[in-house]
Amino acid sequence: MRNIYPFGKAPFVILVIAIISGIVFVGMRLRETESRPDLILAIQAEIHVKPYQKAIDQFNKENNCKVVLQRVQKEVLMSRLQSAMQTGCDVPDVVEILEGTIGYFTRGPLENVGFVDLTERLREDGLLDPKNMVQTRYPLWSSREHIFALPHDVHPSCLCYRVDLIKELGIDVTKLKTWDDFVKEGQRITIPQKRYMIDMADDSMISLIILLSQHGFDLFDAYGNVAFDKPGVADVVAWFVHQTSGKTRIAFPAGDGQNFYQAMNEGLDLFFFTPDWRTAQFMLDNPRQKGNLALMPMPVWADENGNQLPGTYKTGTWGGTGLAITKHSKNQDLAWKFAKYLYTKVEDLGERFLQTNIVPPIKASWELPEFKKKSDFYKHMFHDPATGELVADYVSIGEMYASQADGTPPRYVTAYTTQAETQLLNVYYAAREHYLKHGDEGMMELIEKKLKENADYVRSLVARNVFLTRDAEKAAAARAAAETKSEQEQ
């Protein structure tokens, strides 16, 4: 053996295995190349695999083609897809991407974006008609007024709460119409280190951005301009500081995973921001609370008379998924036909809702019987018309969230969203530190100063990207010209 391979028997065996594995791998790759499917769909969420595969099988039969589903990790997709598209490597034809990621692919000139511009296709197929589709979901997948993905969902947010604890504490959730109502009740029942009114993350911007978007604010505007230092943002930041810090706080960050469910089960937090997808997550991860959780609409931002403030929304939104077609696809027309089949075929959306609790942006689907079916997990509380007593009964998750869906605020995402979130978080940290040391005195002035400084910093980053600024200016000019022409014609 040593005469044949001088390093010994074990290394020789390893070498043989490696050679055989290499031959097998090359053979598999050759077979894959020879029989490459018409379309490859790459997704990230395990929950979508079964319903998507069912739709794919039917689409293949109806169109005499071969679409293949591949599930990949988010990190792999984000880190490799962009570089693969730029270098001309083989990439999937259709890709499901997550909220906040479109900016990663649209940081350069529009003509260099690796995804197909879907704007005209959407218009031709009636998907830019507000009667058919929730329009506020498109900004999440747009850059410089060009849409690069078909929205999968709406994700309006409600509040979820423990029915038993609410009853025990004498909280009438039907009277929590405004955030002022909510805070007042929260200050009544909160016991530091033992019980808080609501879970609010203070180590990320998730909770604050939900509240800002409900108030009509965002990190950027429709043209990609930095917008988190607009008048009024400081008021929301100060409100958030008051609820998460100091002696009168009503919020505690429950965290994630086991810590979160422990906080829910022990009653450390009573209310939780809950977009539609999270209801399914709670059902899967915390079945012990079946029949003991309830849903209610988010309170609204209101004036001193309890009237909802102009420009605000009745709900917030958290999360999102979109379907993009890569320019490298050789079957882009088939890919678009498949994308519509997967996301907009109304007949399939009812059964899919029952599996995920996710409300699609296709409005016709909301009338399906599956959306009206009552849950056996979640309740809602209301006053019995006959007795006037506050009672709980099982709720239709579909009706609850669909009633909020068309009122979700838009979210604008750019290549600099992550940096903007970081800068806003830094404003919050500075304001919280000031509040804990000095109280309200000087806090608003500090918040406004920091918002301006940090927003200007992000503006300086954006200004370095000549492609974004140039194209944004063109888009704004084109819109202004179109609006002027429309006014003249009228």
Protein backbone atom coordinates (compact mmCIF):
# COMPACT_ATOMS: atom_id res chain seq x y z
CA MET A 1 0.00 0.00 0.00
CA ARG A 2 2.82 2.41 0.90
CA ASN A 3 4.47 1.73 -2.48
CA ILE A 4 1.25 2.79 -4.20
CA TYR A 5 0.41 5.68 -1.85
CA PRO A 6 3.28 6.58 0.52
CA PHE A 7 1.13 8.47 3.14
CA GLY A 8 -0.58 5.38 4.52
CA LYS A 9 -3.83 3.43 4.31
CA ALA A 10 -6.18 5.88 6.04
CA PRO A 11 -5.25 8.89 3.86
CA PHE A 12 -5.54 6.65 0.79
CA VAL A 13 -9.10 5.63 1.71
CA ILE A 14 -10.03 9.28 2.32
CA LEU A 15 -8.59 10.22 -1.09
CA VAL A 16 -10.57 7.47 -2.85
CA ILE A 17 -13.81 8.56 -1.15
CA ALA A 18 -13.14 12.17 -2.12
CA ILE A 19 -12.52 11.23 -5.77
CA ILE A 20 -15.68 9.10 -5.92
CA SER A 21 -17.72 11.86 -4.26
CA GLY A 22 -16.35 14.37 -6.75
CA ILE A 23 -17.28 12.15 -9.69
CA VAL A 24 -20.79 11.63 -8.31
CA PHE A 25 -21.19 15.37 -7.67
CA VAL A 26 -20.04 16.28 -11.18
CA GLY A 27 -22.38 13.68 -12.62
CA MET A 28 -25.29 15.08 -10.65
CA ARG A 29 -24.44 18.62 -11.77
CA LEU A 30 -24.29 17.46 -15.39
CA ARG A 31 -27.69 15.79 -15.10
CA GLU A 32 -29.06 18.94 -13.45
CA THR A 33 -27.71 21.07 -16.26
CA GLU A 34 -29.11 18.77 -18.92
CA SER A 35 -32.56 18.72 -17.33
CA ARG A 36 -32.73 22.20 -15.85
CA PRO A 37 -36.36 23.01 -15.06
CA ASP A 38 -38.22 25.81 -16.80
CA LEU A 39 -38.29 27.79 -13.54
CA ILE A 40 -36.59 27.56 -10.17
CA LEU A 41 -38.33 29.21 -7.22
CA ALA A 42 -36.18 29.98 -4.15
CA ILE A 43 -37.94 30.66 -0.83
CA GLN A 44 -36.84 30.97 2.78
CA ALA A 45 -39.84 30.18 5.03
CA GLU A 46 -40.52 26.55 5.91
CA ILE A 47 -44.22 27.34 6.48
CA HIS A 48 -44.68 28.08 2.77
CA VAL A 49 -43.15 24.87 1.41
CA LYS A 50 -46.25 22.64 1.43
CA PRO A 51 -48.82 25.13 0.08
CA TYR A 52 -46.40 26.37 -2.57
CA GLN A 53 -45.53 22.84 -3.67
CA LYS A 54 -49.21 22.06 -4.09
CA ALA A 55 -49.64 25.14 -6.31
CA ILE A 56 -46.49 24.28 -8.26
CA ASP A 57 -47.71 20.76 -9.01
CA GLN A 58 -50.97 22.13 -10.38
CA PHE A 59 -49.23 24.88 -12.37
CA ASN A 60 -46.92 22.32 -13.96
CA LYS A 61 -49.88 20.22 -15.07
CA GLU A 62 -51.83 23.15 -16.45
CA ASN A 63 -48.89 24.64 -18.33
CA ASN A 64 -46.94 21.51 -19.29
CA CYS A 65 -43.79 22.86 -17.68
CA LYS A 66 -41.44 22.12 -14.83
CA VAL A 67 -41.16 24.50 -11.87
CA VAL A 68 -38.92 23.39 -9.01
CA LEU A 69 -39.00 24.70 -5.44
CA GLN A 70 -35.80 25.25 -3.48
CA ARG A 71 -35.69 26.37 0.16
CA VAL A 72 -32.58 28.28 1.21
CA GLN A 73 -31.48 30.11 4.33
CA LYS A 74 -32.00 33.87 4.43
CA GLU A 75 -28.32 34.57 5.05
CA VAL A 76 -27.28 32.47 2.07
CA LEU A 77 -29.78 34.11 -0.24
CA MET A 78 -28.90 37.66 0.76
CA SER A 79 -25.14 37.15 0.72
CA ARG A 80 -24.86 35.24 -2.54
CA LEU A 81 -27.75 36.25 -4.77
CA GLN A 82 -26.63 39.81 -5.48
CA SER A 83 -23.04 38.82 -6.25
CA ALA A 84 -24.23 35.92 -8.39
CA MET A 85 -26.45 38.22 -10.46
CA GLN A 86 -23.61 40.70 -10.93
CA THR A 87 -21.13 38.06 -12.05
CA GLY A 88 -23.55 36.29 -14.38
CA CYS A 89 -23.70 33.07 -12.37
CA ASP A 90 -26.74 30.85 -12.48
CA VAL A 91 -29.48 32.12 -10.14
CA PRO A 92 -33.10 31.13 -9.45
CA ASP A 93 -35.74 32.49 -11.82
CA VAL A 94 -38.12 33.57 -9.07
CA VAL A 95 -37.06 34.56 -5.56
CA GLU A 96 -39.08 35.24 -2.43
CA ILE A 97 -37.44 38.10 -0.52
CA LEU A 98 -38.13 39.61 2.89
CA GLU A 99 -39.05 43.05 4.17
CA GLY A 100 -36.14 45.46 4.20
CA THR A 101 -34.05 43.59 1.63
CA ILE A 102 -35.12 45.26 -1.62
CA GLY A 103 -32.74 48.14 -0.89
CA TYR A 104 -29.87 45.65 -0.88
CA PHE A 105 -30.54 44.94 -4.56
CA THR A 106 -31.44 48.47 -5.70
CA ARG A 107 -28.52 50.53 -4.44
CA GLY A 108 -27.13 51.15 -7.92
CA PRO A 109 -28.56 52.47 -11.22
CA LEU A 110 -32.06 51.25 -12.02
CA GLU A 111 -30.83 49.57 -15.19
CA ASN A 112 -28.42 47.46 -13.11
CA VAL A 113 -31.02 46.10 -10.69
CA GLY A 114 -30.95 42.33 -11.01
CA PHE A 115 -34.73 41.97 -10.74
CA VAL A 116 -37.28 42.55 -13.49
CA ASP A 117 -39.20 45.83 -13.22
CA LEU A 118 -42.80 44.66 -12.71
CA THR A 119 -44.48 48.06 -12.79
CA GLU A 120 -46.03 47.83 -16.27
CA ARG A 121 -46.95 44.17 -15.89
CA LEU A 122 -48.79 45.00 -12.67
CA ARG A 123 -50.61 47.88 -14.36
CA GLU A 124 -51.64 45.77 -17.38
CA ASP A 125 -53.02 43.03 -15.15
CA GLY A 126 -55.05 45.37 -12.96
CA LEU A 127 -52.92 44.88 -9.88
CA LEU A 128 -52.30 48.61 -9.51
CA ASP A 129 -56.06 49.09 -9.18
CA PRO A 130 -57.01 49.81 -5.55
CA LYS A 131 -60.22 47.81 -6.05
CA ASN A 132 -58.15 44.66 -6.55
CA MET A 133 -55.02 45.06 -4.45
CA VAL A 134 -53.84 46.80 -1.28
CA GLN A 135 -51.69 49.54 -2.79
CA THR A 136 -49.77 50.47 0.36
CA ARG A 137 -47.79 47.22 0.08
CA TYR A 138 -45.96 48.24 -3.10
CA PRO A 139 -43.57 50.80 -1.51
CA LEU A 140 -42.00 47.93 0.41
CA TRP A 141 -40.80 46.48 -2.90
CA SER A 142 -40.09 49.67 -4.82
CA SER A 143 -37.19 51.94 -5.61
CA ARG A 144 -37.55 55.31 -7.30
CA GLU A 145 -41.20 54.50 -8.13
CA HIS A 146 -40.33 51.23 -9.88
CA ILE A 147 -41.78 48.03 -8.39
CA PHE A 148 -39.53 44.97 -8.31
CA ALA A 149 -41.61 42.39 -6.42
CA LEU A 150 -45.20 41.22 -6.15
CA PRO A 151 -46.47 41.56 -2.54
CA HIS A 152 -47.35 38.34 -0.79
CA ASP A 153 -49.06 39.79 2.29
CA VAL A 154 -50.35 42.82 4.19
CA HIS A 155 -49.45 42.05 7.83
CA PRO A 156 -51.71 44.52 9.66
CA SER A 157 -51.03 44.51 13.38
CA CYS A 158 -53.51 43.95 16.19
CA LEU A 159 -52.88 43.56 19.91
CA CYS A 160 -52.99 40.11 21.48
CA TYR A 161 -53.68 39.74 25.20
CA ARG A 162 -54.38 37.25 27.99
CA VAL A 163 -58.16 37.03 28.55
CA ASP A 164 -57.92 35.65 32.08
CA LEU A 165 -55.58 38.38 33.34
CA ILE A 166 -57.61 41.12 31.68
CA LYS A 167 -60.75 39.90 33.44
CA GLU A 168 -58.92 39.54 36.75
CA LEU A 169 -57.60 43.10 36.56
CA GLY A 170 -60.92 44.57 35.48
CA ILE A 171 -59.64 45.98 32.19
CA ASP A 172 -62.40 46.77 29.68
CA VAL A 173 -60.56 46.40 26.36
CA THR A 174 -63.51 47.90 24.46
CA LYS A 175 -62.66 51.24 26.09
CA LEU A 176 -59.03 51.20 24.96
CA LYS A 177 -59.80 53.19 21.83
CA THR A 178 -56.81 55.54 21.89
CA TRP A 179 -53.20 55.30 23.02
CA ASP A 180 -54.04 57.80 25.78
CA ASP A 181 -56.69 55.37 27.04
CA PHE A 182 -54.19 52.54 26.85
CA VAL A 183 -51.45 54.39 28.75
CA LYS A 184 -53.84 55.50 31.49
CA GLU A 185 -54.99 51.93 32.08
CA GLY A 186 -51.42 50.68 31.84
CA GLN A 187 -50.29 53.03 34.60
CA ARG A 188 -53.12 51.73 36.77
CA ILE A 189 -52.21 48.06 36.56
CA THR A 190 -48.42 48.11 36.10
CA ILE A 191 -46.37 46.81 39.04
CA PRO A 192 -42.63 47.26 38.38
CA GLN A 193 -40.72 43.98 37.96
CA LYS A 194 -43.98 42.02 38.26
CA ARG A 195 -46.52 43.15 35.67
CA TYR A 196 -46.50 45.54 32.70
CA MET A 197 -49.17 46.55 30.24
CA ILE A 198 -47.36 45.77 26.97
CA ASP A 199 -44.27 44.22 25.42
CA MET A 200 -42.20 46.89 23.63
CA ALA A 201 -38.72 46.14 22.32
CA ASP A 202 -36.17 48.71 23.43
CA ASP A 203 -33.09 47.14 21.84
CA SER A 204 -34.40 47.39 18.28
CA MET A 205 -36.72 49.67 16.36
CA ILE A 206 -39.51 47.13 15.73
CA SER A 207 -42.03 48.49 18.25
CA LEU A 208 -41.19 52.15 17.66
CA ILE A 209 -41.42 51.81 13.87
CA ILE A 210 -44.83 50.11 14.17
CA LEU A 211 -46.01 53.10 16.20
CA LEU A 212 -44.34 55.65 13.91
CA SER A 213 -45.86 54.10 10.79
CA GLN A 214 -49.29 54.09 12.45
CA HIS A 215 -48.74 57.80 13.10
CA GLY A 216 -48.00 58.32 9.40
CA PHE A 217 -44.21 58.62 9.72
CA ASP A 218 -41.44 56.54 8.18
CA LEU A 219 -37.65 56.54 7.92
CA PHE A 220 -37.87 57.63 4.26
CA ASP A 221 -40.51 59.18 2.04
CA ALA A 222 -41.83 57.95 -1.30
CA TYR A 223 -38.91 59.55 -3.16
CA GLY A 224 -36.22 57.99 -0.98
CA ASN A 225 -35.57 61.14 1.04
CA VAL A 226 -34.66 60.75 4.72
CA ALA A 227 -37.80 61.59 6.70
CA PHE A 228 -37.38 60.57 10.34
CA ASP A 229 -36.73 64.14 11.48
CA LYS A 230 -40.07 65.47 10.23
CA PRO A 231 -42.16 67.56 12.65
CA GLY A 232 -44.08 65.24 14.94
CA VAL A 233 -41.57 62.37 14.99
CA ALA A 234 -40.01 63.77 18.18
CA ASP A 235 -43.40 63.57 19.92
CA VAL A 236 -43.66 59.85 19.15
CA VAL A 237 -40.10 59.19 20.28
CA ALA A 238 -40.75 61.06 23.55
CA TRP A 239 -43.98 59.09 24.05
CA PHE A 240 -42.04 55.86 23.51
CA VAL A 241 -39.40 56.92 26.05
CA HIS A 242 -42.13 57.58 28.63
CA GLN A 243 -43.67 54.13 28.13
CA THR A 244 -40.39 52.20 28.27
CA SER A 245 -38.46 54.11 30.96
CA GLY A 246 -38.81 55.61 34.40
CA LYS A 247 -41.31 55.22 37.22
CA THR A 248 -44.42 55.59 35.06
CA ARG A 249 -43.39 53.10 32.37
CA ILE A 250 -46.02 50.62 31.23
CA ALA A 251 -43.85 48.51 28.89
CA PHE A 252 -41.25 45.81 29.32
CA PRO A 253 -39.22 44.10 26.55
CA ALA A 254 -40.17 40.42 26.65
CA GLY A 255 -37.39 39.44 24.25
CA ASP A 256 -37.57 36.47 21.90
CA GLY A 257 -38.03 32.74 22.01
CA GLN A 258 -38.29 31.09 25.41
CA ASN A 259 -37.99 34.39 27.27
CA PHE A 260 -40.89 35.83 25.31
CA TYR A 261 -43.25 32.92 25.98
CA GLN A 262 -42.25 32.84 29.62
CA ALA A 263 -43.22 36.52 29.90
CA MET A 264 -46.53 35.77 28.19
CA ASN A 265 -47.31 32.73 30.33
CA GLU A 266 -46.31 34.33 33.64
CA GLY A 267 -48.22 37.52 32.87
CA LEU A 268 -45.18 39.80 32.95
CA ASP A 269 -46.62 41.53 29.88
CA LEU A 270 -50.34 41.61 29.12
CA PHE A 271 -50.48 42.91 25.52
CA PHE A 272 -48.32 42.11 22.49
CA PHE A 273 -48.01 43.62 19.01
CA THR A 274 -49.38 40.85 16.80
CA PRO A 275 -49.43 41.02 13.01
CA ASP A 276 -51.36 38.25 11.28
CA TRP A 277 -48.35 35.93 10.86
CA ARG A 278 -47.59 36.07 14.57
CA THR A 279 -50.96 34.56 15.49
CA ALA A 280 -49.89 31.35 13.77
CA GLN A 281 -46.51 31.52 15.51
CA PHE A 282 -48.17 31.76 18.93
CA MET A 283 -50.42 28.81 18.09
CA LEU A 284 -47.42 26.69 17.11
CA ASP A 285 -44.99 27.74 19.86
CA ASN A 286 -47.32 28.28 22.83
CA PRO A 287 -50.28 25.85 22.57
CA ARG A 288 -50.85 25.97 26.34
CA GLN A 289 -52.57 29.36 25.86
CA LYS A 290 -55.19 27.96 23.46
CA GLY A 291 -58.52 29.60 24.21
CA ASN A 292 -56.89 32.03 26.61
CA LEU A 293 -55.59 34.61 24.13
CA ALA A 294 -57.68 37.34 22.51
CA LEU A 295 -57.22 39.91 19.74
CA MET A 296 -58.21 43.56 19.50
CA PRO A 297 -57.48 46.42 17.05
CA MET A 298 -54.59 48.70 17.92
CA PRO A 299 -55.53 51.91 19.74
CA VAL A 300 -55.32 55.01 17.55
CA TRP A 301 -53.39 58.24 17.89
CA ALA A 302 -55.99 60.83 18.90
CA ASP A 303 -56.43 64.43 20.02
CA GLU A 304 -57.59 65.49 23.48
CA ASN A 305 -61.20 64.85 22.43
CA GLY A 306 -60.50 61.26 21.41
CA ASN A 307 -60.72 61.93 17.66
CA GLN A 308 -58.22 60.12 15.48
CA LEU A 309 -55.50 62.49 14.29
CA PRO A 310 -55.49 63.36 10.56
CA GLY A 311 -52.87 61.49 8.58
CA THR A 312 -52.67 58.61 11.06
CA TYR A 313 -53.73 55.00 10.57
CA LYS A 314 -55.86 52.58 12.57
CA THR A 315 -53.17 49.92 12.45
CA GLY A 316 -49.47 49.40 11.98
CA THR A 317 -47.61 46.76 10.00
CA TRP A 318 -44.74 44.42 10.76
CA GLY A 319 -42.94 42.19 8.25
CA GLY A 320 -43.49 41.34 4.63
CA THR A 321 -42.56 39.03 1.77
CA GLY A 322 -42.44 39.67 -1.96
CA LEU A 323 -41.84 37.64 -5.11
CA ALA A 324 -39.19 38.94 -7.53
CA ILE A 325 -38.18 37.69 -10.98
CA THR A 326 -34.47 37.75 -11.79
CA LYS A 327 -33.31 39.26 -15.07
CA HIS A 328 -31.18 36.16 -15.62
CA SER A 329 -34.32 34.07 -16.08
CA LYS A 330 -34.72 32.89 -19.68
CA ASN A 331 -38.46 32.43 -19.14
CA GLN A 332 -39.56 35.78 -17.71
CA ASP A 333 -43.07 35.67 -19.19
CA LEU A 334 -43.62 32.20 -17.75
CA ALA A 335 -42.15 33.42 -14.45
CA TRP A 336 -44.65 36.29 -14.31
CA LYS A 337 -47.51 33.93 -15.12
CA PHE A 338 -46.32 31.66 -12.33
CA ALA A 339 -45.91 34.55 -9.86
CA LYS A 340 -49.52 35.61 -10.43
CA TYR A 341 -50.67 32.00 -10.15
CA LEU A 342 -48.86 31.54 -6.86
CA TYR A 343 -49.82 34.83 -5.21
CA THR A 344 -53.09 35.98 -6.78
CA LYS A 345 -55.09 32.85 -7.61
CA VAL A 346 -58.03 33.52 -5.31
CA GLU A 347 -59.23 29.90 -5.09
CA ASP A 348 -55.99 28.85 -3.40
CA LEU A 349 -55.74 31.70 -0.91
CA GLY A 350 -58.45 30.49 1.47
CA GLU A 351 -56.82 27.15 2.23
CA ARG A 352 -53.44 28.85 2.46
CA PHE A 353 -54.81 31.34 4.98
CA LEU A 354 -55.98 28.50 7.22
CA GLN A 355 -52.41 27.17 7.24
CA THR A 356 -50.63 30.47 7.92
CA ASN A 357 -53.19 33.08 9.15
CA ILE A 358 -51.55 35.48 6.67
CA VAL A 359 -53.91 37.93 4.95
CA PRO A 360 -53.02 38.39 1.25
CA PRO A 361 -53.30 41.80 -0.45
CA ILE A 362 -55.80 40.39 -3.00
CA LYS A 363 -59.06 41.88 -1.76
CA ALA A 364 -61.33 39.33 -3.45
CA SER A 365 -59.85 36.62 -1.24
CA TRP A 366 -61.19 38.26 1.92
CA GLU A 367 -64.71 37.15 1.00
CA LEU A 368 -63.79 33.46 0.96
CA PRO A 369 -65.43 31.29 3.65
CA GLU A 370 -62.04 30.42 5.15
CA PHE A 371 -61.56 34.06 6.14
CA LYS A 372 -64.88 34.06 8.00
CA LYS A 373 -64.26 30.85 9.94
CA LYS A 374 -63.99 31.28 13.70
CA SER A 375 -60.77 30.32 15.42
CA ASP A 376 -60.63 27.69 18.15
CA PHE A 377 -57.54 29.37 19.62
CA TYR A 378 -58.23 33.13 19.78
CA LYS A 379 -61.13 35.07 21.28
CA HIS A 380 -62.27 38.68 21.37
CA MET A 381 -64.06 40.58 24.10
CA PHE A 382 -67.24 42.60 23.70
CA HIS A 383 -70.26 43.78 25.67
CA ASP A 384 -73.21 41.40 25.49
CA PRO A 385 -76.11 43.41 23.95
CA ALA A 386 -78.61 41.73 26.25
CA THR A 387 -76.82 42.04 29.60
CA GLY A 388 -74.18 44.68 28.96
CA GLU A 389 -71.57 42.41 30.54
CA LEU A 390 -68.09 42.09 29.08
CA VAL A 391 -67.84 38.60 27.58
CA ALA A 392 -65.38 36.67 25.42
CA ASP A 393 -66.08 34.52 22.39
CA TYR A 394 -63.99 32.97 19.66
CA VAL A 395 -63.07 35.35 16.87
CA SER A 396 -62.64 35.05 13.12
CA ILE A 397 -58.94 35.80 12.62
CA GLY A 398 -59.53 36.39 8.91
CA GLU A 399 -62.27 38.94 9.45
CA MET A 400 -60.34 40.65 12.23
CA TYR A 401 -57.21 41.21 10.13
CA ALA A 402 -58.93 41.72 6.78
CA SER A 403 -60.91 44.57 8.35
CA GLN A 404 -57.58 46.28 9.09
CA ALA A 405 -55.75 45.32 5.90
CA ASP A 406 -56.79 48.12 3.58
CA GLY A 407 -55.81 50.68 6.20
CA THR A 408 -52.20 49.63 6.67
CA PRO A 409 -49.60 52.39 6.33
CA PRO A 410 -46.98 52.24 3.56
CA ARG A 411 -43.38 51.35 4.42
CA TYR A 412 -40.59 52.82 2.31
CA VAL A 413 -37.36 50.85 2.11
CA THR A 414 -34.04 51.97 0.60
CA ALA A 415 -30.44 50.80 0.54
CA TYR A 416 -29.93 52.88 3.69
CA THR A 417 -32.83 51.64 5.80
CA THR A 418 -30.54 49.71 8.16
CA GLN A 419 -28.39 52.78 8.77
CA ALA A 420 -31.50 54.90 9.37
CA GLU A 421 -32.85 52.39 11.89
CA THR A 422 -29.53 52.45 13.73
CA GLN A 423 -29.51 56.25 13.87
CA LEU A 424 -33.10 56.37 15.13
CA LEU A 425 -32.24 53.80 17.80
CA ASN A 426 -29.33 56.00 18.88
CA VAL A 427 -31.74 58.93 19.26
CA TYR A 428 -33.94 56.81 21.49
CA TYR A 429 -30.97 55.71 23.63
CA ALA A 430 -29.83 59.31 24.10
CA ALA A 431 -33.36 60.45 25.00
CA ARG A 432 -33.85 57.60 27.45
CA GLU A 433 -30.55 58.33 29.20
CA HIS A 434 -31.49 62.01 29.48
CA TYR A 435 -34.97 61.19 30.79
CA LEU A 436 -33.65 58.85 33.48
CA LYS A 437 -31.21 61.52 34.69
CA HIS A 438 -33.15 64.76 34.18
CA GLY A 439 -36.78 63.87 33.51
CA ASP A 440 -38.74 65.80 30.87
CA GLU A 441 -36.76 69.00 31.23
CA GLY A 442 -34.88 69.54 27.99
CA MET A 443 -35.76 66.10 26.58
CA MET A 444 -37.81 67.30 23.61
CA GLU A 445 -35.09 69.73 22.61
CA LEU A 446 -32.54 66.91 22.79
CA ILE A 447 -34.69 64.56 20.69
CA GLU A 448 -35.28 67.17 17.98
CA LYS A 449 -31.57 68.03 17.91
CA LYS A 450 -30.49 64.38 17.70
CA LEU A 451 -33.10 63.53 15.06
CA LYS A 452 -31.81 66.36 12.86
CA GLU A 453 -28.16 65.42 13.36
CA ASN A 454 -28.68 61.72 12.78
CA ALA A 455 -30.99 62.26 9.81
CA ASP A 456 -28.40 64.58 8.28
CA TYR A 457 -25.79 61.86 8.74
CA VAL A 458 -27.94 59.38 6.79
CA ARG A 459 -28.55 62.08 4.16
CA SER A 460 -24.80 62.39 3.74
CA LEU A 461 -24.58 58.65 3.09
CA VAL A 462 -27.40 58.79 0.56
CA ALA A 463 -25.85 61.83 -1.17
CA ARG A 464 -22.73 59.82 -1.95
CA ASN A 465 -24.82 57.45 -4.05
CA VAL A 466 -25.24 59.52 -7.22
CA PHE A 467 -27.40 56.84 -8.83
CA LEU A 468 -30.08 56.98 -6.14
CA THR A 469 -30.16 60.76 -5.93
CA ARG A 470 -30.19 61.20 -9.71
CA ASP A 471 -32.97 58.68 -10.29
CA ALA A 472 -35.00 59.97 -7.33
CA GLU A 473 -34.88 63.49 -8.79
CA LYS A 474 -35.99 62.18 -12.18
CA ALA A 475 -38.88 60.27 -10.61
CA ALA A 476 -40.01 63.30 -8.62
CA ALA A 477 -39.83 65.52 -11.72
CA ALA A 478 -41.79 62.99 -13.79
CA ARG A 479 -44.50 62.74 -11.14
CA ALA A 480 -44.76 66.52 -10.84
CA ALA A 481 -45.09 66.84 -14.63
CA ALA A 482 -47.79 64.14 -14.70
CA GLU A 483 -49.72 65.86 -11.91
CA THR A 484 -49.50 69.22 -13.71
CA LYS A 485 -50.73 67.66 -16.94
CA SER A 486 -53.62 66.00 -15.12
CA GLU A 487 -54.64 69.31 -13.53
CA GLN A 488 -54.53 71.08 -16.90
CA GLU A 489 -56.67 68.41 -18.53
CA GLN A 490 -59.26 68.73 -15.77
